[in-house]
Amino acid sequence: MQAEIEVRRDGETRRDTRRFAHRDGEVEPVGSDSLPGVVTDLSRSGFRMVVDEPLAPESVVWLKVGGYGPFMARVVWYDGTAIGCEFAGKLQSDVVGQLLEG
């Protein structure tokens, strides 16, 4: 998987608008079992998810939310409680809407 990652901090402009979410979902790291979590924000290019187990940056995961997915992504960061991931390819706007609305 090859992707261009742009690291940005709070207050900086993002490539895509992040939208608040509170959706149960799961991530499945390649070669491991699925991990449940809660997606707390979502954009066309990535997501933040609260998880109970650590995931190493650069890990490839598959996201499932509701009846949607899997969507391939890679872990960009883990802060002890949540992961930030970038999708392998941008999601269509209508797909983001479906994920947020359930």
N, C-alpha and C. Protein backbone atom coordinates (compact mmCIF):
# COMPACT_ATOMS: atom_id res chain seq x y z
N MET A 1 0.85 -1.17 0.00
CA MET A 1 0.00 0.00 0.00
C MET A 1 0.90 1.23 0.00
N GLN A 2 0.63 2.15 -0.88
CA GLN A 2 1.44 3.35 -0.95
C GLN A 2 0.51 4.55 -0.87
N ALA A 3 0.80 5.45 0.04
CA ALA A 3 -0.05 6.62 0.21
C ALA A 3 0.80 7.80 0.66
N GLU A 4 0.37 8.98 0.30
CA GLU A 4 1.04 10.19 0.76
C GLU A 4 0.36 10.63 2.04
N ILE A 5 1.13 10.76 3.09
CA ILE A 5 0.58 11.16 4.38
C ILE A 5 1.03 12.57 4.69
N GLU A 6 0.10 13.37 5.10
CA GLU A 6 0.38 14.75 5.48
C GLU A 6 0.04 14.88 6.95
N VAL A 7 1.05 14.99 7.80
CA VAL A 7 0.82 15.09 9.24
C VAL A 7 0.49 16.53 9.58
N ARG A 8 -0.62 16.70 10.28
CA ARG A 8 -1.07 18.04 10.65
C ARG A 8 -1.51 18.04 12.10
N ARG A 9 -1.37 19.13 12.74
CA ARG A 9 -1.77 19.28 14.14
C ARG A 9 -3.06 20.08 14.22
N ASP A 10 -3.70 20.05 15.40
CA ASP A 10 -4.93 20.82 15.60
C ASP A 10 -4.71 22.27 15.18
N GLY A 11 -5.72 22.84 14.55
CA GLY A 11 -5.63 24.23 14.12
C GLY A 11 -5.10 24.39 12.71
N GLU A 12 -4.55 23.33 12.13
CA GLU A 12 -4.03 23.41 10.78
C GLU A 12 -5.11 22.98 9.79
N THR A 13 -4.97 23.39 8.57
CA THR A 13 -5.90 23.04 7.52
C THR A 13 -5.72 21.57 7.15
N ARG A 14 -6.81 20.88 6.94
CA ARG A 14 -6.77 19.47 6.56
C ARG A 14 -7.17 19.34 5.10
N ARG A 15 -6.77 18.21 4.51
CA ARG A 15 -7.13 17.95 3.12
C ARG A 15 -8.64 17.74 2.96
N ASP A 16 -9.25 17.08 3.93
CA ASP A 16 -10.68 16.78 3.88
C ASP A 16 -11.31 17.14 5.22
N THR A 17 -12.56 17.57 5.17
CA THR A 17 -13.28 17.95 6.38
C THR A 17 -13.56 16.73 7.23
N ARG A 18 -13.16 16.82 8.51
CA ARG A 18 -13.48 15.76 9.45
C ARG A 18 -14.88 15.98 9.96
N ARG A 19 -15.63 14.90 10.07
CA ARG A 19 -16.99 14.98 10.59
C ARG A 19 -17.09 14.15 11.85
N PHE A 20 -17.72 14.71 12.87
CA PHE A 20 -17.91 14.01 14.13
C PHE A 20 -18.72 12.74 13.89
N ALA A 21 -18.34 11.70 14.59
CA ALA A 21 -19.06 10.43 14.49
C ALA A 21 -19.07 9.78 15.87
N HIS A 22 -19.98 8.91 16.09
CA HIS A 22 -19.98 8.04 17.26
C HIS A 22 -20.63 6.74 16.81
N ARG A 23 -19.85 5.96 16.08
CA ARG A 23 -20.35 4.74 15.46
C ARG A 23 -19.52 3.55 15.91
N ASP A 24 -20.21 2.51 16.37
CA ASP A 24 -19.52 1.27 16.68
C ASP A 24 -19.01 0.67 15.37
N GLY A 25 -17.84 0.10 15.45
CA GLY A 25 -17.25 -0.54 14.28
C GLY A 25 -16.17 -1.50 14.71
N GLU A 26 -15.40 -1.91 13.75
CA GLU A 26 -14.27 -2.79 14.05
C GLU A 26 -13.18 -2.58 13.02
N VAL A 27 -11.97 -2.82 13.45
CA VAL A 27 -10.83 -2.84 12.54
C VAL A 27 -10.23 -4.23 12.62
N GLU A 28 -9.80 -4.70 11.47
CA GLU A 28 -9.14 -6.00 11.41
C GLU A 28 -7.75 -5.80 10.84
N PRO A 29 -6.74 -5.86 11.72
CA PRO A 29 -5.37 -5.78 11.22
C PRO A 29 -5.07 -6.99 10.33
N VAL A 30 -4.28 -6.79 9.31
CA VAL A 30 -3.91 -7.89 8.41
C VAL A 30 -3.24 -8.98 9.24
N GLY A 31 -3.77 -10.19 9.14
CA GLY A 31 -3.20 -11.32 9.84
C GLY A 31 -3.64 -11.47 11.30
N SER A 32 -4.60 -10.66 11.75
CA SER A 32 -5.07 -10.71 13.14
C SER A 32 -6.59 -10.73 13.19
N ASP A 33 -7.10 -10.95 14.39
CA ASP A 33 -8.55 -10.92 14.60
C ASP A 33 -9.06 -9.48 14.64
N SER A 34 -10.36 -9.32 14.39
CA SER A 34 -10.99 -8.01 14.45
C SER A 34 -10.97 -7.45 15.86
N LEU A 35 -10.84 -6.13 15.94
CA LEU A 35 -10.89 -5.42 17.22
C LEU A 35 -12.08 -4.46 17.20
N PRO A 36 -12.95 -4.54 18.21
CA PRO A 36 -14.06 -3.60 18.26
C PRO A 36 -13.56 -2.21 18.66
N GLY A 37 -14.32 -1.20 18.27
CA GLY A 37 -13.97 0.16 18.64
C GLY A 37 -15.10 1.11 18.30
N VAL A 38 -14.86 2.39 18.56
CA VAL A 38 -15.84 3.43 18.26
C VAL A 38 -15.17 4.47 17.37
N VAL A 39 -15.74 4.66 16.17
CA VAL A 39 -15.24 5.69 15.26
C VAL A 39 -15.73 7.03 15.79
N THR A 40 -14.80 7.95 16.07
CA THR A 40 -15.17 9.23 16.65
C THR A 40 -15.11 10.39 15.65
N ASP A 41 -14.39 10.21 14.57
CA ASP A 41 -14.48 11.16 13.46
C ASP A 41 -14.10 10.47 12.17
N LEU A 42 -14.57 11.05 11.08
CA LEU A 42 -14.43 10.41 9.78
C LEU A 42 -14.35 11.47 8.71
N SER A 43 -13.51 11.23 7.73
CA SER A 43 -13.45 12.10 6.56
C SER A 43 -13.29 11.20 5.34
N ARG A 44 -13.23 11.80 4.18
CA ARG A 44 -13.04 11.02 2.96
C ARG A 44 -11.68 10.34 2.96
N SER A 45 -10.69 10.92 3.68
CA SER A 45 -9.34 10.37 3.63
C SER A 45 -8.94 9.56 4.86
N GLY A 46 -9.73 9.56 5.95
CA GLY A 46 -9.32 8.79 7.11
C GLY A 46 -10.32 8.83 8.24
N PHE A 47 -9.90 8.26 9.38
CA PHE A 47 -10.78 8.18 10.54
C PHE A 47 -9.97 8.09 11.82
N ARG A 48 -10.64 8.40 12.92
CA ARG A 48 -10.10 8.22 14.27
C ARG A 48 -11.01 7.22 14.95
N MET A 49 -10.40 6.26 15.67
CA MET A 49 -11.19 5.22 16.31
C MET A 49 -10.61 4.90 17.68
N VAL A 50 -11.46 4.89 18.69
CA VAL A 50 -11.05 4.49 20.04
C VAL A 50 -11.02 2.96 20.05
N VAL A 51 -9.89 2.41 20.48
CA VAL A 51 -9.71 0.95 20.52
C VAL A 51 -9.12 0.56 21.87
N ASP A 52 -9.34 -0.70 22.26
CA ASP A 52 -8.83 -1.19 23.54
C ASP A 52 -7.43 -1.77 23.47
N GLU A 53 -6.94 -2.04 22.26
CA GLU A 53 -5.62 -2.64 22.10
C GLU A 53 -4.76 -1.74 21.21
N PRO A 54 -3.48 -1.69 21.50
CA PRO A 54 -2.60 -0.85 20.67
C PRO A 54 -2.41 -1.42 19.28
N LEU A 55 -2.28 -0.54 18.31
CA LEU A 55 -1.94 -0.91 16.94
C LEU A 55 -0.75 -0.07 16.51
N ALA A 56 0.23 -0.70 15.95
CA ALA A 56 1.47 -0.01 15.57
C ALA A 56 1.26 0.85 14.32
N PRO A 57 1.85 2.05 14.32
CA PRO A 57 1.83 2.85 13.10
C PRO A 57 2.38 2.03 11.93
N GLU A 58 1.82 2.27 10.77
CA GLU A 58 2.12 1.59 9.51
C GLU A 58 1.40 0.25 9.37
N SER A 59 0.66 -0.19 10.42
CA SER A 59 -0.13 -1.42 10.29
C SER A 59 -1.25 -1.21 9.28
N VAL A 60 -1.51 -2.21 8.48
CA VAL A 60 -2.63 -2.16 7.53
C VAL A 60 -3.84 -2.77 8.23
N VAL A 61 -4.97 -2.08 8.15
CA VAL A 61 -6.21 -2.54 8.79
C VAL A 61 -7.36 -2.43 7.79
N TRP A 62 -8.43 -3.15 8.11
CA TRP A 62 -9.67 -3.08 7.35
C TRP A 62 -10.75 -2.58 8.29
N LEU A 63 -11.42 -1.48 7.93
CA LEU A 63 -12.47 -0.89 8.75
C LEU A 63 -13.84 -1.37 8.29
N LYS A 64 -14.68 -1.75 9.26
CA LYS A 64 -16.07 -2.08 9.00
C LYS A 64 -16.93 -1.26 9.98
N VAL A 65 -17.96 -0.62 9.46
CA VAL A 65 -18.89 0.16 10.28
C VAL A 65 -20.30 -0.17 9.81
N GLY A 66 -21.13 -0.64 10.75
CA GLY A 66 -22.46 -1.06 10.37
C GLY A 66 -22.36 -2.16 9.33
N GLY A 67 -23.13 -2.06 8.29
CA GLY A 67 -23.07 -3.04 7.22
C GLY A 67 -22.12 -2.64 6.10
N TYR A 68 -21.25 -1.66 6.34
CA TYR A 68 -20.38 -1.14 5.29
C TYR A 68 -18.94 -1.55 5.51
N GLY A 69 -18.25 -1.74 4.41
CA GLY A 69 -16.85 -2.08 4.46
C GLY A 69 -16.66 -3.51 3.99
N PRO A 70 -15.46 -3.96 4.00
CA PRO A 70 -14.29 -3.36 4.62
C PRO A 70 -13.63 -2.31 3.73
N PHE A 71 -13.01 -1.32 4.42
CA PHE A 71 -12.25 -0.26 3.77
C PHE A 71 -10.80 -0.36 4.23
N MET A 72 -9.89 -0.46 3.30
CA MET A 72 -8.47 -0.59 3.63
C MET A 72 -7.90 0.74 4.09
N ALA A 73 -7.09 0.68 5.16
CA ALA A 73 -6.44 1.89 5.69
C ALA A 73 -5.13 1.48 6.34
N ARG A 74 -4.35 2.48 6.67
CA ARG A 74 -3.13 2.21 7.45
C ARG A 74 -3.13 3.09 8.67
N VAL A 75 -2.61 2.56 9.75
CA VAL A 75 -2.51 3.29 11.00
C VAL A 75 -1.40 4.33 10.86
N VAL A 76 -1.73 5.58 11.14
CA VAL A 76 -0.76 6.67 11.08
C VAL A 76 -0.21 6.94 12.48
N TRP A 77 -1.08 6.86 13.50
CA TRP A 77 -0.65 7.11 14.88
C TRP A 77 -1.53 6.33 15.85
N TYR A 78 -0.98 6.11 17.03
CA TYR A 78 -1.71 5.52 18.16
C TYR A 78 -1.30 6.32 19.38
N ASP A 79 -2.28 6.82 20.16
CA ASP A 79 -1.96 7.69 21.29
C ASP A 79 -2.23 7.07 22.66
N GLY A 80 -2.43 5.76 22.69
CA GLY A 80 -2.71 5.09 23.95
C GLY A 80 -4.18 4.75 24.13
N THR A 81 -5.06 5.44 23.43
CA THR A 81 -6.49 5.15 23.51
C THR A 81 -7.16 5.07 22.14
N ALA A 82 -6.57 5.68 21.14
CA ALA A 82 -7.19 5.75 19.82
C ALA A 82 -6.15 5.62 18.73
N ILE A 83 -6.63 5.26 17.54
CA ILE A 83 -5.78 5.22 16.35
C ILE A 83 -6.28 6.26 15.36
N GLY A 84 -5.36 6.79 14.59
CA GLY A 84 -5.69 7.65 13.47
C GLY A 84 -5.23 6.92 12.22
N CYS A 85 -6.13 6.78 11.26
CA CYS A 85 -5.84 5.99 10.06
C CYS A 85 -6.14 6.76 8.79
N GLU A 86 -5.40 6.44 7.76
CA GLU A 86 -5.64 7.01 6.44
C GLU A 86 -6.11 5.91 5.50
N PHE A 87 -7.21 6.16 4.80
CA PHE A 87 -7.72 5.20 3.85
C PHE A 87 -6.74 5.03 2.69
N ALA A 88 -6.74 3.83 2.09
CA ALA A 88 -5.88 3.56 0.94
C ALA A 88 -6.25 4.44 -0.25
N GLY A 89 -7.51 4.78 -0.36
CA GLY A 89 -8.01 5.70 -1.38
C GLY A 89 -9.16 6.48 -0.79
N LYS A 90 -9.34 7.70 -1.22
CA LYS A 90 -10.42 8.51 -0.65
C LYS A 90 -11.78 7.87 -0.87
N LEU A 91 -12.61 7.94 0.16
CA LEU A 91 -13.98 7.46 0.04
C LEU A 91 -14.82 8.49 -0.70
N GLN A 92 -15.84 8.03 -1.38
CA GLN A 92 -16.78 8.93 -2.03
C GLN A 92 -17.60 9.63 -0.94
N SER A 93 -18.02 10.84 -1.19
CA SER A 93 -18.79 11.62 -0.21
C SER A 93 -20.05 10.90 0.24
N ASP A 94 -20.74 10.23 -0.70
CA ASP A 94 -21.97 9.53 -0.33
C ASP A 94 -21.68 8.33 0.58
N VAL A 95 -20.52 7.70 0.43
CA VAL A 95 -20.13 6.59 1.31
C VAL A 95 -19.89 7.12 2.72
N VAL A 96 -19.21 8.25 2.84
CA VAL A 96 -18.99 8.87 4.16
C VAL A 96 -20.33 9.16 4.80
N GLY A 97 -21.27 9.71 4.05
CA GLY A 97 -22.61 9.99 4.57
C GLY A 97 -23.30 8.74 5.07
N GLN A 98 -23.20 7.65 4.33
CA GLN A 98 -23.81 6.38 4.74
C GLN A 98 -23.17 5.87 6.03
N LEU A 99 -21.87 5.98 6.14
CA LEU A 99 -21.18 5.52 7.34
C LEU A 99 -21.60 6.34 8.56
N LEU A 100 -21.80 7.63 8.37
CA LEU A 100 -22.18 8.51 9.49
C LEU A 100 -23.64 8.33 9.88
N GLU A 101 -24.49 8.06 8.91
CA GLU A 101 -25.93 7.97 9.19
C GLU A 101 -26.35 6.57 9.64
N GLY A 102 -25.60 5.58 9.31
CA GLY A 102 -25.92 4.21 9.71
C GLY A 102 -26.80 3.60 8.74
